[in-house]
């Protein structure tokens, strides 16, 4: 597992923290989930449409 440091401005950090509390998950869990979802959307957009 790799570790990184990310800097957020105060307002973004506050909003993320509140959302993580609402969803009952840690800030790290939420950020990893959001990053994975974004990667999946990106990879799905790159795939050519299926032929029938």
N, C-alpha and C. Protein backbone atom coordinates (compact mmCIF):
# COMPACT_ATOMS: atom_id res chain seq x y z
N UNK A 1 0.86 -1.17 0.00
CA UNK A 1 0.00 0.00 0.00
C UNK A 1 0.90 1.23 0.00
N UNK A 2 0.55 2.22 -0.81
CA UNK A 2 1.31 3.46 -0.89
C UNK A 2 0.63 4.54 -0.06
N UNK A 3 1.42 5.48 0.38
CA UNK A 3 0.92 6.58 1.21
C UNK A 3 1.26 7.89 0.48
N UNK A 4 0.30 8.79 0.41
CA UNK A 4 0.53 10.09 -0.20
C UNK A 4 0.04 11.19 0.73
N UNK A 5 0.50 12.39 0.47
CA UNK A 5 0.03 13.56 1.21
C UNK A 5 -0.73 14.44 0.24
N UNK A 6 -1.92 14.85 0.64
CA UNK A 6 -2.75 15.71 -0.20
C UNK A 6 -3.10 16.95 0.61
N UNK A 7 -3.00 18.09 -0.03
CA UNK A 7 -3.35 19.34 0.65
C UNK A 7 -4.69 19.86 0.13
N UNK A 8 -5.58 20.19 1.07
CA UNK A 8 -6.89 20.74 0.74
C UNK A 8 -7.00 22.12 1.36
N UNK A 9 -7.71 23.01 0.68
CA UNK A 9 -7.98 24.27 1.35
C UNK A 9 -8.98 24.01 2.47
N UNK A 10 -9.07 24.94 3.39
CA UNK A 10 -9.88 24.74 4.60
C UNK A 10 -11.34 24.43 4.28
N UNK A 11 -11.92 25.13 3.31
CA UNK A 11 -13.33 24.93 2.99
C UNK A 11 -13.58 23.53 2.41
N UNK A 12 -12.74 23.10 1.50
CA UNK A 12 -12.91 21.77 0.92
C UNK A 12 -12.74 20.70 1.99
N UNK A 13 -11.77 20.85 2.85
CA UNK A 13 -11.55 19.88 3.93
C UNK A 13 -12.77 19.80 4.83
N UNK A 14 -13.33 20.94 5.16
CA UNK A 14 -14.52 20.98 6.02
C UNK A 14 -15.68 20.25 5.36
N UNK A 15 -15.90 20.50 4.08
CA UNK A 15 -17.00 19.87 3.35
C UNK A 15 -16.79 18.35 3.26
N UNK A 16 -15.56 17.93 2.97
CA UNK A 16 -15.26 16.50 2.88
C UNK A 16 -15.44 15.83 4.24
N UNK A 17 -14.97 16.47 5.29
CA UNK A 17 -15.10 15.91 6.63
C UNK A 17 -16.57 15.74 7.02
N UNK A 18 -17.39 16.74 6.73
CA UNK A 18 -18.82 16.65 7.05
C UNK A 18 -19.49 15.53 6.27
N UNK A 19 -19.14 15.41 4.99
CA UNK A 19 -19.71 14.35 4.17
C UNK A 19 -19.30 12.97 4.68
N UNK A 20 -18.05 12.83 5.09
CA UNK A 20 -17.60 11.54 5.60
C UNK A 20 -18.32 11.17 6.89
N UNK A 21 -18.60 12.15 7.73
CA UNK A 21 -19.35 11.89 8.97
C UNK A 21 -20.78 11.47 8.62
N UNK A 22 -21.41 12.16 7.68
CA UNK A 22 -22.77 11.80 7.26
C UNK A 22 -22.83 10.38 6.74
N UNK A 23 -21.80 9.97 6.02
CA UNK A 23 -21.77 8.63 5.42
C UNK A 23 -21.17 7.58 6.33
N UNK A 24 -20.78 8.00 7.52
CA UNK A 24 -20.21 7.10 8.52
C UNK A 24 -19.03 6.31 7.98
N UNK A 25 -18.11 7.03 7.32
CA UNK A 25 -16.87 6.43 6.85
C UNK A 25 -15.73 7.40 7.12
N UNK A 26 -14.54 6.88 7.21
CA UNK A 26 -13.41 7.76 7.47
C UNK A 26 -13.15 8.62 6.23
N UNK A 27 -12.46 9.71 6.45
CA UNK A 27 -12.09 10.59 5.34
C UNK A 27 -11.26 9.81 4.32
N UNK A 28 -10.35 8.99 4.79
CA UNK A 28 -9.53 8.18 3.88
C UNK A 28 -10.40 7.22 3.07
N UNK A 29 -11.32 6.52 3.72
CA UNK A 29 -12.20 5.59 3.00
C UNK A 29 -12.99 6.31 1.93
N UNK A 30 -13.51 7.49 2.26
CA UNK A 30 -14.31 8.23 1.31
C UNK A 30 -13.48 8.68 0.12
N UNK A 31 -12.29 9.19 0.37
CA UNK A 31 -11.44 9.68 -0.72
C UNK A 31 -11.03 8.52 -1.64
N UNK A 32 -10.67 7.38 -1.06
CA UNK A 32 -10.32 6.22 -1.88
C UNK A 32 -11.52 5.80 -2.73
N UNK A 33 -12.72 5.76 -2.13
CA UNK A 33 -13.93 5.38 -2.86
C UNK A 33 -14.19 6.34 -4.02
N UNK A 34 -14.06 7.64 -3.76
CA UNK A 34 -14.28 8.64 -4.80
C UNK A 34 -13.25 8.53 -5.92
N UNK A 35 -11.99 8.30 -5.58
CA UNK A 35 -10.95 8.15 -6.59
C UNK A 35 -11.18 6.90 -7.44
N UNK A 36 -11.56 5.81 -6.80
CA UNK A 36 -11.84 4.58 -7.57
C UNK A 36 -13.01 4.77 -8.52
N UNK A 37 -14.05 5.45 -8.06
CA UNK A 37 -15.22 5.71 -8.91
C UNK A 37 -14.81 6.57 -10.11
N UNK A 38 -13.99 7.57 -9.89
CA UNK A 38 -13.54 8.43 -10.99
C UNK A 38 -12.70 7.64 -11.99
N UNK A 39 -11.81 6.78 -11.50
CA UNK A 39 -11.01 5.95 -12.40
C UNK A 39 -11.89 5.01 -13.22
N UNK A 40 -12.90 4.42 -12.60
CA UNK A 40 -13.82 3.55 -13.33
C UNK A 40 -14.57 4.31 -14.42
N UNK A 41 -15.03 5.54 -14.12
CA UNK A 41 -15.71 6.36 -15.13
C UNK A 41 -14.77 6.69 -16.28
N UNK A 42 -13.55 7.04 -15.96
CA UNK A 42 -12.57 7.38 -16.97
C UNK A 42 -12.27 6.18 -17.88
N UNK A 43 -12.06 5.01 -17.27
CA UNK A 43 -11.75 3.82 -18.05
C UNK A 43 -12.94 3.38 -18.89
N UNK A 44 -14.15 3.52 -18.37
CA UNK A 44 -15.35 3.15 -19.13
C UNK A 44 -15.53 4.07 -20.32
N UNK A 45 -15.18 5.34 -20.18
CA UNK A 45 -15.33 6.31 -21.28
C UNK A 45 -14.34 6.03 -22.40
N UNK A 46 -13.22 5.40 -22.09
CA UNK A 46 -12.20 5.10 -23.09
C UNK A 46 -12.53 3.87 -23.91
N UNK A 47 -13.38 3.00 -23.40
CA UNK A 47 -13.70 1.75 -24.11
C UNK A 47 -14.60 2.06 -25.31
N UNK A 48 -14.29 1.44 -26.45
CA UNK A 48 -15.16 1.64 -27.62
C UNK A 48 -16.52 0.98 -27.39
N UNK A 49 -17.56 1.50 -28.03
CA UNK A 49 -18.89 0.89 -27.85
C UNK A 49 -18.90 -0.55 -28.37
N UNK A 50 -19.73 -1.38 -27.75
CA UNK A 50 -19.82 -2.78 -28.16
C UNK A 50 -20.62 -2.90 -29.45
N UNK A 51 -20.15 -3.74 -30.34
CA UNK A 51 -20.88 -3.99 -31.60
C UNK A 51 -21.88 -5.10 -31.40
N UNK A 52 -22.97 -5.01 -32.11
CA UNK A 52 -23.99 -6.06 -32.04
C UNK A 52 -24.03 -6.81 -33.33
